Amino acid sequence: MEEKLFYNSNGNKLCGVLNRASEDKIVIMCHGIRGNKDECGSFIQLAESIKNTGYSSFRFDFNGHGESGGQDKDMTISKEILDLENTVKMLQEKGYKEFVLVGGSFGAGIVSLFPFEKYVCIKGIVLWYGALDYSYIRYGNLFTEENKKIAERDGFYVSRSMNSGEEFRFGLDLFNEVDKYKPYEALENNNLTKLFIHGEIDSAVPYELSEKVSNSCKNSRFILIKNGEHTFQNSREAINTVVNETVSFIDEIFNSSSIKRESVKRDYDIIADQYAAEFGRKYEDMEVVSEFMSMLKPGDSILDLGGGTGKYTDLLIKNGFKSTCYDFSKEMMRKARELYGDIPYILDDMLNVKNHYNEGSLDGIIAFYSLFHVPREDIMNLFSDMKDVLKVNGLLCFCVQLGDSEGYIDEPYLNEDGKGVLYFNGFSKALIDDLLDKNKFEKLYENMKQEVGDNELGDDSNTKIFIMAKKIK
């Protein structure tokens, strides 16, 4: 079901179309300059395909375009970035927690320049025939010095849409901004997963630009569409291929465990200072920690898995153990260095623990308040890896939250920008027993801690469970 929405952005009323399917996952489509929310029909077809895959979508008109307010001559790159920010915020208020951004042509440049560091809810981006270098765009040679001089004289330069033939006025402020913004540089410094799609016969923006930028980016792939023009509307086969490839990528993003883990790393990188100020020297649950240490002997090798600021690593070292902190947030490692000096630290994803430890090399593993950030599809393999690196009779001590749900929770340190940004996974007692049984652990200790208020996933209870187990074979 499609619903037309009007909302505010920077003093203008924007218009968009919401195509509902999912309650928490949504794709936002950003059109090109001189265009509108339908992107010559391409976004309509994409929206229908996204809906059939089970996700919502939202396509909207930037200020000065289509049904949105504002004048064409007043649109700028910075205003369009703000329009996209306000669109994300509006959809967050409607309950959407995971986003993929799709941009076409000039809209791809706006997507590239989006302040992703403020919105960890964005999981991936798709760039169709992207205007990623404003000095590299044919577009009828729009941003030339000659056209800028006309804008200086008249207040704007008049151009016609390649597709509709309608006039569009390019204001002087826009000409001044094209020298300031460099979408390709922003992409090169962006770790999000990216898909570039471009037609091989694009007469407005050469495909070599997308290919070059893709090759210089991390987590990127490039697809060249045979016989594809700008907007892909010259060929039914071309647009069908583009839509299929885009929807496949979106589905992969929304279901990828790597995306879930990346949300955790990005979140803790952002909040490291605040987290360390509140919890960096706050030793919690010492009854469990003391029980764990009492079952080991001085000199034993203990891994603090997901140890963050390193407080338990430091505590273990002070009690005579050989301990190493293991976490994938470089900012948390920085705080650990500030708080506890040069404690041993491994900076990596915990799913790679076997890259750092041989089988049977550890006497103990402690994992407090970290395993509930491991995607459900990865947790069995992680328990198997922990079993492998532990010695026979080695101890595993961990804390998780009881529950059957998984999803993205709010990050309170980020206030309004922290709505639904952090992946969190609840553990049922049946799942815990299954993890222990299948990996040959004998449960030695269990303790539950009831906390005040609703839990992170909105269930009725908020109970942490502490488990100590021994590897038996």
Protein backbone atom coordinates (compact mmCIF):
# COMPACT_ATOMS: atom_id res chain seq x y z
CA MET A 1 0.00 0.00 0.00
CA GLU A 2 1.36 3.40 -1.02
CA GLU A 3 0.87 6.50 1.11
CA LYS A 4 1.80 10.04 0.11
CA LEU A 5 3.44 11.95 2.97
CA PHE A 6 4.29 15.62 3.48
CA TYR A 7 6.86 16.69 6.07
CA ASN A 8 9.11 19.62 6.91
CA SER A 9 12.73 20.16 5.98
CA ASN A 10 14.65 23.41 6.35
CA GLY A 11 11.53 25.54 5.97
CA ASN A 12 10.18 23.59 2.99
CA LYS A 13 7.40 21.04 2.77
CA LEU A 14 8.75 17.85 1.19
CA CYS A 15 6.61 15.24 -0.53
CA GLY A 16 7.31 11.51 -0.59
CA VAL A 17 5.64 8.16 -1.19
CA LEU A 18 5.84 5.44 1.45
CA ASN A 19 5.41 1.87 0.22
CA ARG A 20 4.83 -0.25 3.32
CA ALA A 21 5.85 -3.87 3.74
CA SER A 22 8.20 -4.11 6.74
CA GLU A 23 7.79 -2.33 10.06
CA ASP A 24 11.51 -1.80 10.68
CA LYS A 25 13.48 -2.12 7.42
CA ILE A 26 13.23 0.53 4.72
CA VAL A 27 14.95 1.72 1.54
CA ILE A 28 15.11 5.47 0.79
CA MET A 29 15.45 6.50 -2.88
CA CYS A 30 17.08 9.80 -3.84
CA HIS A 31 16.47 11.11 -7.37
CA GLY A 32 18.75 13.10 -9.66
CA ILE A 33 18.85 16.82 -10.28
CA ARG A 34 16.04 18.20 -12.51
CA GLY A 35 14.11 15.00 -11.77
CA ASN A 36 11.59 13.81 -9.21
CA LYS A 37 10.81 10.97 -6.83
CA ASP A 38 9.89 8.53 -9.64
CA GLU A 39 13.30 8.81 -11.37
CA CYS A 40 11.74 8.40 -14.84
CA GLY A 41 9.80 5.38 -13.56
CA SER A 42 12.84 3.46 -12.35
CA PHE A 43 12.10 4.08 -8.67
CA ILE A 44 8.47 3.00 -9.10
CA GLN A 45 9.61 -0.35 -10.45
CA LEU A 46 12.26 -0.65 -7.74
CA ALA A 47 9.73 0.15 -5.00
CA GLU A 48 7.41 -2.61 -6.18
CA SER A 49 10.23 -5.15 -6.28
CA ILE A 50 11.44 -4.10 -2.82
CA LYS A 51 7.91 -4.52 -1.47
CA ASN A 52 7.65 -8.01 -2.99
CA THR A 53 10.86 -8.91 -1.13
CA GLY A 54 9.29 -7.84 2.16
CA TYR A 55 10.81 -4.41 2.80
CA SER A 56 9.35 -0.91 2.86
CA SER A 57 10.56 1.90 0.63
CA PHE A 58 10.29 5.68 0.50
CA ARG A 59 10.92 7.87 -2.52
CA PHE A 60 10.72 11.63 -2.17
CA ASP A 61 11.19 14.92 -4.00
CA PHE A 62 14.11 17.08 -2.90
CA ASN A 63 13.39 20.77 -2.28
CA GLY A 64 12.74 22.64 -5.52
CA HIS A 65 11.71 19.43 -7.31
CA GLY A 66 8.45 17.64 -8.04
CA GLU A 67 5.73 18.15 -5.45
CA SER A 68 8.06 19.47 -2.76
CA GLY A 69 8.26 23.12 -1.78
CA GLY A 70 11.06 25.54 -2.53
CA GLN A 71 12.29 27.00 -5.79
CA ASP A 72 14.61 25.22 -8.16
CA LYS A 73 17.11 28.08 -8.18
CA ASP A 74 17.46 27.85 -4.39
CA MET A 75 18.38 24.16 -4.21
CA THR A 76 21.94 23.37 -3.17
CA ILE A 77 23.96 20.28 -2.29
CA SER A 78 23.93 21.16 1.41
CA LYS A 79 20.16 21.61 1.39
CA GLU A 80 19.64 18.25 -0.28
CA ILE A 81 21.87 16.57 2.31
CA LEU A 82 19.69 18.17 4.98
CA ASP A 83 16.55 16.98 3.17
CA LEU A 84 17.87 13.43 3.30
CA GLU A 85 18.74 13.77 7.00
CA ASN A 86 15.25 15.01 7.79
CA THR A 87 13.77 12.17 5.75
CA VAL A 88 15.70 9.60 7.79
CA LYS A 89 14.61 11.25 11.03
CA MET A 90 10.97 11.31 9.94
CA LEU A 91 11.04 7.61 9.11
CA GLN A 92 12.82 6.80 12.37
CA GLU A 93 9.93 8.45 14.16
CA LYS A 94 7.65 6.03 12.33
CA GLY A 95 9.57 3.10 13.81
CA TYR A 96 12.01 2.22 11.05
CA LYS A 97 15.36 1.06 12.41
CA GLU A 98 17.40 -0.25 9.48
CA PHE A 99 17.97 1.74 6.30
CA VAL A 100 19.53 1.31 2.88
CA LEU A 101 19.99 4.44 0.77
CA VAL A 102 19.67 4.36 -3.02
CA GLY A 103 20.76 7.36 -5.06
CA GLY A 104 20.48 8.02 -8.78
CA SER A 105 22.79 10.43 -10.62
CA PHE A 106 23.01 13.67 -8.59
CA GLY A 107 21.10 11.88 -5.82
CA ALA A 108 23.94 9.35 -5.65
CA GLY A 109 26.28 12.21 -4.84
CA ILE A 110 23.94 13.35 -2.05
CA VAL A 111 23.86 9.82 -0.63
CA SER A 112 27.67 9.72 -0.77
CA LEU A 113 27.91 12.98 1.22
CA PHE A 114 25.41 11.93 3.90
CA PRO A 115 26.80 12.19 7.49
CA PHE A 116 26.80 8.44 8.16
CA GLU A 117 28.77 8.86 11.39
CA LYS A 118 25.62 10.34 12.94
CA TYR A 119 23.28 7.63 11.65
CA VAL A 120 24.48 4.12 12.34
CA CYS A 121 21.01 2.96 11.32
CA ILE A 122 22.23 3.14 7.70
CA LYS A 123 23.37 -0.36 6.73
CA GLY A 124 24.37 0.03 3.08
CA ILE A 125 24.18 2.26 0.00
CA VAL A 126 23.41 1.77 -3.70
CA LEU A 127 24.63 4.28 -6.29
CA TRP A 128 23.08 4.28 -9.76
CA TYR A 129 24.98 6.17 -12.52
CA GLY A 130 26.44 8.34 -9.77
CA ALA A 131 27.45 11.97 -10.17
CA LEU A 132 30.40 11.43 -7.83
CA ASP A 133 32.78 14.10 -9.14
CA TYR A 134 31.17 17.36 -10.19
CA SER A 135 34.10 18.21 -12.45
CA TYR A 136 33.63 14.89 -14.28
CA ILE A 137 29.97 15.24 -15.29
CA ARG A 138 28.98 15.74 -18.91
CA TYR A 139 25.36 16.72 -18.18
CA GLY A 140 25.62 19.10 -21.12
CA ASN A 141 28.63 20.60 -19.34
CA LEU A 142 26.43 22.08 -16.62
CA PHE A 143 28.96 23.32 -14.09
CA THR A 144 31.20 25.28 -16.43
CA GLU A 145 32.75 28.66 -15.75
CA GLU A 146 30.66 30.10 -18.60
CA ASN A 147 27.41 28.88 -17.03
CA LYS A 148 28.54 30.14 -13.63
CA LYS A 149 29.08 33.60 -15.09
CA ILE A 150 25.50 33.53 -16.39
CA ALA A 151 24.32 32.62 -12.87
CA GLU A 152 26.38 35.49 -11.47
CA ARG A 153 24.73 37.87 -13.92
CA ASP A 154 21.13 36.61 -13.76
CA GLY A 155 21.05 34.82 -10.40
CA PHE A 156 20.66 31.44 -12.10
CA TYR A 157 21.49 29.42 -15.20
CA VAL A 158 18.62 27.79 -17.13
CA SER A 159 18.96 24.19 -18.24
CA ARG A 160 16.52 21.61 -19.60
CA SER A 161 15.93 18.11 -18.29
CA MET A 162 17.42 15.39 -20.48
CA ASN A 163 14.23 13.34 -20.12
CA SER A 164 11.25 15.70 -19.69
CA GLY A 165 12.62 18.75 -21.47
CA GLU A 166 11.40 20.96 -18.62
CA GLU A 167 13.43 23.99 -17.63
CA PHE A 168 15.40 23.98 -14.39
CA ARG A 169 17.21 26.99 -12.94
CA PHE A 170 20.62 26.37 -11.38
CA GLY A 171 21.29 29.03 -8.74
CA LEU A 172 24.62 30.69 -8.02
CA ASP A 173 24.84 29.05 -4.57
CA LEU A 174 24.82 25.63 -6.25
CA PHE A 175 27.65 26.62 -8.60
CA ASN A 176 29.67 27.77 -5.60
CA GLU A 177 29.08 24.49 -3.75
CA VAL A 178 30.19 22.10 -6.51
CA ASP A 179 33.79 23.13 -5.87
CA LYS A 180 33.41 22.45 -2.15
CA TYR A 181 31.88 18.97 -2.16
CA LYS A 182 33.64 15.84 -3.41
CA PRO A 183 31.39 12.77 -3.14
CA TYR A 184 34.12 10.39 -4.29
CA GLU A 185 36.35 11.38 -1.38
CA ALA A 186 33.53 10.83 1.11
CA LEU A 187 32.97 7.34 -0.30
CA GLU A 188 36.64 6.43 -0.06
CA ASN A 189 36.48 7.13 3.69
CA ASN A 190 33.22 5.22 4.18
CA ASN A 191 33.24 1.63 5.48
CA LEU A 192 29.62 0.84 4.63
CA THR A 193 28.91 -1.87 2.06
CA LYS A 194 28.37 -0.21 -1.32
CA LEU A 195 26.96 -1.23 -4.69
CA PHE A 196 27.77 0.86 -7.78
CA ILE A 197 25.68 0.26 -10.92
CA HIS A 198 26.30 2.11 -14.18
CA GLY A 199 25.32 1.76 -17.84
CA GLU A 200 28.06 1.25 -20.37
CA ILE A 201 26.63 3.81 -22.82
CA ASP A 202 25.72 6.53 -20.27
CA SER A 203 25.91 9.84 -22.13
CA ALA A 204 25.55 12.02 -19.03
CA VAL A 205 27.97 10.49 -16.53
CA PRO A 206 30.63 8.09 -17.89
CA TYR A 207 30.66 4.65 -16.27
CA GLU A 208 34.43 4.91 -15.77
CA LEU A 209 33.76 7.32 -12.90
CA SER A 210 31.73 4.79 -10.89
CA GLU A 211 34.20 2.04 -11.71
CA LYS A 212 37.16 4.15 -10.59
CA VAL A 213 35.52 5.22 -7.33
CA SER A 214 34.35 1.69 -6.58
CA ASN A 215 37.86 0.36 -7.04
CA SER A 216 39.18 2.91 -4.54
CA CYS A 217 36.57 2.08 -1.87
CA LYS A 218 36.35 -0.55 0.84
CA ASN A 219 33.45 -3.02 0.91
CA SER A 220 32.46 -2.15 -2.63
CA ARG A 221 31.30 -3.85 -5.79
CA PHE A 222 30.71 -2.48 -9.30
CA ILE A 223 28.25 -3.74 -11.91
CA LEU A 224 28.38 -2.55 -15.53
CA ILE A 225 25.05 -2.77 -17.35
CA LYS A 226 25.25 -3.69 -21.01
CA ASN A 227 23.54 -1.15 -23.29
CA GLY A 228 22.48 0.88 -20.25
CA GLU A 229 21.93 4.64 -20.68
CA HIS A 230 21.44 7.24 -17.98
CA THR A 231 18.35 6.20 -15.91
CA PHE A 232 18.42 2.79 -17.71
CA GLN A 233 15.09 3.58 -19.35
CA ASN A 234 16.41 2.98 -22.86
CA SER A 235 16.35 -0.79 -22.33
CA ARG A 236 13.79 -2.96 -20.54
CA GLU A 237 16.45 -5.61 -20.08
CA ALA A 238 18.81 -3.05 -18.52
CA ILE A 239 16.35 -1.69 -15.94
CA ASN A 240 15.16 -5.19 -15.04
CA THR A 241 18.76 -6.27 -14.42
CA VAL A 242 19.45 -3.16 -12.34
CA VAL A 243 16.36 -3.64 -10.19
CA ASN A 244 17.11 -7.33 -9.64
CA GLU A 245 20.73 -6.65 -8.68
CA THR A 246 19.71 -3.80 -6.36
CA VAL A 247 17.02 -5.80 -4.56
CA SER A 248 19.37 -8.77 -4.18
CA PHE A 249 21.96 -6.46 -2.60
CA ILE A 250 19.35 -4.90 -0.28
CA ASP A 251 18.17 -8.32 0.84
CA GLU A 252 21.76 -9.34 1.49
CA ILE A 253 22.37 -6.19 3.55
CA PHE A 254 19.29 -6.59 5.72
CA ASN A 255 20.10 -10.23 6.41
CA SER A 256 23.87 -10.05 6.73
CA SER A 257 25.49 -10.91 10.04
CA SER A 258 28.45 -8.73 9.06
CA ILE A 259 26.13 -5.71 8.91
CA LYS A 260 24.82 -6.51 12.39
CA ARG A 261 28.34 -6.80 13.78
CA GLU A 262 29.39 -3.60 12.02
CA SER A 263 26.55 -1.74 13.74
CA VAL A 264 27.99 -2.81 17.10
CA LYS A 265 31.53 -1.78 16.23
CA ARG A 266 30.43 1.60 14.88
CA ASP A 267 28.26 2.23 17.92
CA TYR A 268 30.99 1.51 20.45
CA ASP A 269 33.50 3.54 18.45
CA ILE A 270 31.13 6.51 18.70
CA ILE A 271 30.22 6.16 22.39
CA ALA A 272 33.60 5.00 23.73
CA ASP A 273 34.29 8.18 25.73
CA GLN A 274 30.86 8.22 27.37
CA TYR A 275 30.88 4.49 28.04
CA ALA A 276 34.34 4.60 29.58
CA ALA A 277 33.42 7.56 31.78
CA GLU A 278 30.49 5.62 33.26
CA PHE A 279 31.71 2.01 33.25
CA GLY A 280 35.46 2.10 32.59
CA ARG A 281 36.39 1.63 36.25
CA LYS A 282 33.09 0.28 37.53
CA TYR A 283 33.51 -3.36 38.50
CA GLU A 284 30.12 -5.02 38.32
CA ASP A 285 29.02 -8.53 39.22
CA MET A 286 32.07 -9.20 41.35
CA GLU A 287 30.43 -12.21 42.98
CA VAL A 288 30.56 -14.01 39.63
CA VAL A 289 34.03 -12.74 38.75
CA SER A 290 35.38 -13.82 42.15
CA GLU A 291 33.86 -17.28 41.72
CA PHE A 292 35.47 -17.53 38.27
CA MET A 293 38.92 -16.53 39.60
CA SER A 294 38.62 -18.94 42.55
CA MET A 295 38.32 -21.86 40.14
CA LEU A 296 41.55 -20.93 38.35
CA LYS A 297 45.12 -20.62 39.53
CA PRO A 298 47.61 -17.73 39.25
CA GLY A 299 49.48 -17.76 35.95
CA ASP A 300 46.55 -19.22 34.01
CA SER A 301 45.83 -17.67 30.60
CA ILE A 302 42.48 -15.87 30.50
CA LEU A 303 40.87 -14.19 27.50
CA ASP A 304 38.55 -11.23 28.18
CA LEU A 305 36.34 -11.59 25.08
CA GLY A 306 34.55 -8.41 24.07
CA GLY A 307 36.39 -6.72 26.91
CA GLY A 308 36.00 -3.13 25.68
CA THR A 309 37.79 -0.79 28.09
CA GLY A 310 39.75 -3.67 29.61
CA LYS A 311 38.61 -3.39 33.23
CA TYR A 312 38.30 -7.15 33.75
CA THR A 313 41.59 -7.73 31.95
CA ASP A 314 43.29 -5.33 34.35
CA LEU A 315 41.59 -6.96 37.34
CA LEU A 316 42.68 -10.43 36.26
CA ILE A 317 46.27 -9.30 35.73
CA LYS A 318 46.33 -7.71 39.20
CA ASN A 319 45.18 -11.04 40.62
CA GLY A 320 48.08 -12.92 39.07
CA PHE A 321 46.57 -14.19 35.82
CA LYS A 322 47.87 -13.79 32.28
CA SER A 323 45.00 -11.95 30.64
CA THR A 324 44.38 -10.32 27.25
CA CYS A 325 41.54 -8.02 26.27
CA TYR A 326 39.92 -8.80 22.91
CA ASP A 327 37.56 -6.35 21.19
CA PHE A 328 36.94 -4.94 17.71
CA SER A 329 36.34 -1.30 18.64
CA LYS A 330 39.49 0.74 18.14
CA GLU A 331 38.04 3.56 20.23
CA MET A 332 37.36 1.22 23.14
CA MET A 333 40.97 0.04 22.84
CA ARG A 334 42.06 3.67 22.98
CA LYS A 335 40.12 4.14 26.22
CA ALA A 336 41.59 0.93 27.61
CA ARG A 337 45.08 2.33 26.99
CA GLU A 338 44.12 5.58 28.73
CA LEU A 339 42.65 3.79 31.74
CA TYR A 340 44.95 0.81 32.18
CA GLY A 341 48.11 1.52 30.25
CA ASP A 342 49.70 -1.05 28.00
CA ILE A 343 47.52 -4.06 28.84
CA PRO A 344 47.63 -6.87 26.26
CA TYR A 345 44.97 -6.14 23.64
CA ILE A 346 43.80 -7.86 20.44
CA LEU A 347 41.81 -5.64 18.07
CA ASP A 348 39.60 -7.95 16.01
CA ASP A 349 36.13 -9.42 15.61
CA MET A 350 35.57 -12.18 18.17
CA LEU A 351 34.47 -14.47 15.34
CA ASN A 352 38.16 -14.54 14.37
CA VAL A 353 39.37 -15.77 17.78
CA LYS A 354 40.91 -18.91 16.28
CA ASN A 355 43.19 -16.72 14.17
CA HIS A 356 44.88 -15.64 17.41
CA TYR A 357 44.82 -18.75 19.62
CA ASN A 358 45.74 -22.34 19.02
CA GLU A 359 43.45 -25.16 20.06
CA GLY A 360 43.67 -25.94 23.75
CA SER A 361 45.76 -22.85 24.55
CA LEU A 362 43.54 -21.01 27.08
CA ASP A 363 42.63 -21.83 30.67
CA GLY A 364 39.63 -19.55 30.75
CA ILE A 365 37.42 -17.15 28.80
CA ILE A 366 35.28 -14.43 30.34
CA ALA A 367 32.69 -12.71 28.15
CA PHE A 368 30.58 -10.20 30.07
CA TYR A 369 27.98 -8.04 28.31
CA SER A 370 29.36 -8.84 24.86
CA LEU A 371 27.82 -12.07 23.53
CA PHE A 372 24.39 -10.50 23.16
CA HIS A 373 25.86 -8.39 20.35
CA VAL A 374 26.80 -11.52 18.36
CA PRO A 375 24.30 -12.27 15.56
CA ARG A 376 22.15 -15.30 16.22
CA GLU A 377 23.36 -17.03 13.07
CA ASP A 378 26.97 -16.79 14.32
CA ILE A 379 26.59 -17.70 17.98
CA MET A 380 26.85 -21.49 17.62
CA ASN A 381 30.07 -21.18 15.63
CA LEU A 382 31.48 -18.79 18.23
CA PHE A 383 30.78 -21.26 21.04
CA SER A 384 32.45 -23.97 19.00
CA ASP A 385 35.51 -21.74 18.53
CA MET A 386 35.63 -20.90 22.25
CA LYS A 387 35.51 -24.59 23.05
CA ASP A 388 38.36 -25.28 20.62
CA VAL A 389 40.74 -22.68 22.05
CA LEU A 390 40.07 -23.75 25.65
CA LYS A 391 41.99 -26.54 27.30
CA VAL A 392 40.09 -29.57 28.55
CA ASN A 393 38.61 -28.48 31.90
CA GLY A 394 39.04 -24.86 30.81
CA LEU A 395 36.40 -22.46 32.10
CA LEU A 396 33.93 -20.33 30.17
CA CYS A 397 32.18 -17.56 32.10
CA PHE A 398 29.65 -15.40 30.28
CA CYS A 399 26.68 -13.11 30.74
CA VAL A 400 23.74 -12.72 28.34
CA GLN A 401 20.21 -11.38 28.52
CA LEU A 402 17.27 -13.74 28.63
CA GLY A 403 14.83 -13.39 25.76
CA ASP A 404 13.76 -14.80 22.41
CA SER A 405 14.05 -11.64 20.30
CA GLU A 406 16.80 -10.08 18.24
CA GLY A 407 16.91 -6.69 16.59
CA TYR A 408 18.25 -3.16 16.76
CA ILE A 409 17.88 -1.30 20.04
CA ASP A 410 18.24 2.33 21.03
CA GLU A 411 21.64 3.67 22.08
CA PRO A 412 20.86 6.04 24.98
CA TYR A 413 24.20 7.82 24.76
CA LEU A 414 23.26 9.06 21.28
CA ASN A 415 19.86 10.45 22.30
CA GLU A 416 17.63 11.05 19.25
CA ASP A 417 20.36 9.91 16.85
CA GLY A 418 20.54 6.60 18.68
CA LYS A 419 17.11 5.24 17.80
CA GLY A 420 17.35 1.60 16.77
CA VAL A 421 21.04 1.60 15.87
CA LEU A 422 22.62 -1.18 17.95
CA TYR A 423 22.21 -4.88 17.23
CA PHE A 424 21.13 -6.94 20.26
CA ASN A 425 20.34 -10.63 20.64
CA GLY A 426 18.35 -12.27 23.43
CA PHE A 427 19.19 -15.80 24.67
CA SER A 428 16.50 -18.24 25.78
CA LYS A 429 17.39 -20.83 28.40
CA ALA A 430 16.83 -23.50 25.76
CA LEU A 431 19.36 -21.81 23.47
CA ILE A 432 21.92 -21.54 26.27
CA ASP A 433 21.53 -25.23 27.12
CA ASP A 434 21.83 -26.14 23.45
CA LEU A 435 25.02 -24.09 23.04
CA LEU A 436 26.59 -25.76 26.06
CA ASP A 437 25.46 -29.30 25.24
CA LYS A 438 26.48 -29.28 21.59
CA ASN A 439 29.91 -27.90 22.45
CA LYS A 440 30.59 -30.30 25.33
CA PHE A 441 30.43 -27.82 28.19
CA GLU A 442 29.30 -28.82 31.65
CA LYS A 443 27.41 -26.09 33.48
CA LEU A 444 28.95 -25.37 36.90
CA TYR A 445 27.26 -22.16 37.94
CA GLU A 446 24.16 -20.16 37.07
CA ASN A 447 22.96 -16.90 38.54
CA MET A 448 20.29 -14.46 37.39
CA LYS A 449 20.17 -10.71 37.86
CA GLN A 450 16.84 -8.92 37.56
CA GLU A 451 17.17 -5.28 36.50
CA VAL A 452 14.64 -2.48 36.79
CA GLY A 453 12.57 -1.47 33.76
CA ASP A 454 11.84 -2.99 30.37
CA ASN A 455 14.64 -4.84 28.69
CA GLU A 456 16.45 -3.67 25.58
CA LEU A 457 14.19 -5.56 23.17
CA GLY A 458 10.97 -4.42 24.78
CA ASP A 459 10.02 -7.71 26.47
CA ASP A 460 8.35 -7.83 29.86
CA SER A 461 11.41 -8.99 31.77
CA ASN A 462 14.93 -7.66 31.98
CA THR A 463 16.99 -10.50 33.31
CA LYS A 464 20.70 -11.08 32.84
CA ILE A 465 21.93 -14.63 33.32
CA PHE A 466 25.50 -15.51 34.32
CA ILE A 467 26.84 -18.93 33.38
CA MET A 468 30.06 -20.70 34.27
CA ALA A 469 30.84 -23.90 32.40
CA LYS A 470 33.72 -26.33 31.99
CA LYS A 471 34.94 -27.88 28.75
CA ILE A 472 34.71 -31.61 29.34
CA LYS A 473 36.24 -33.00 26.12
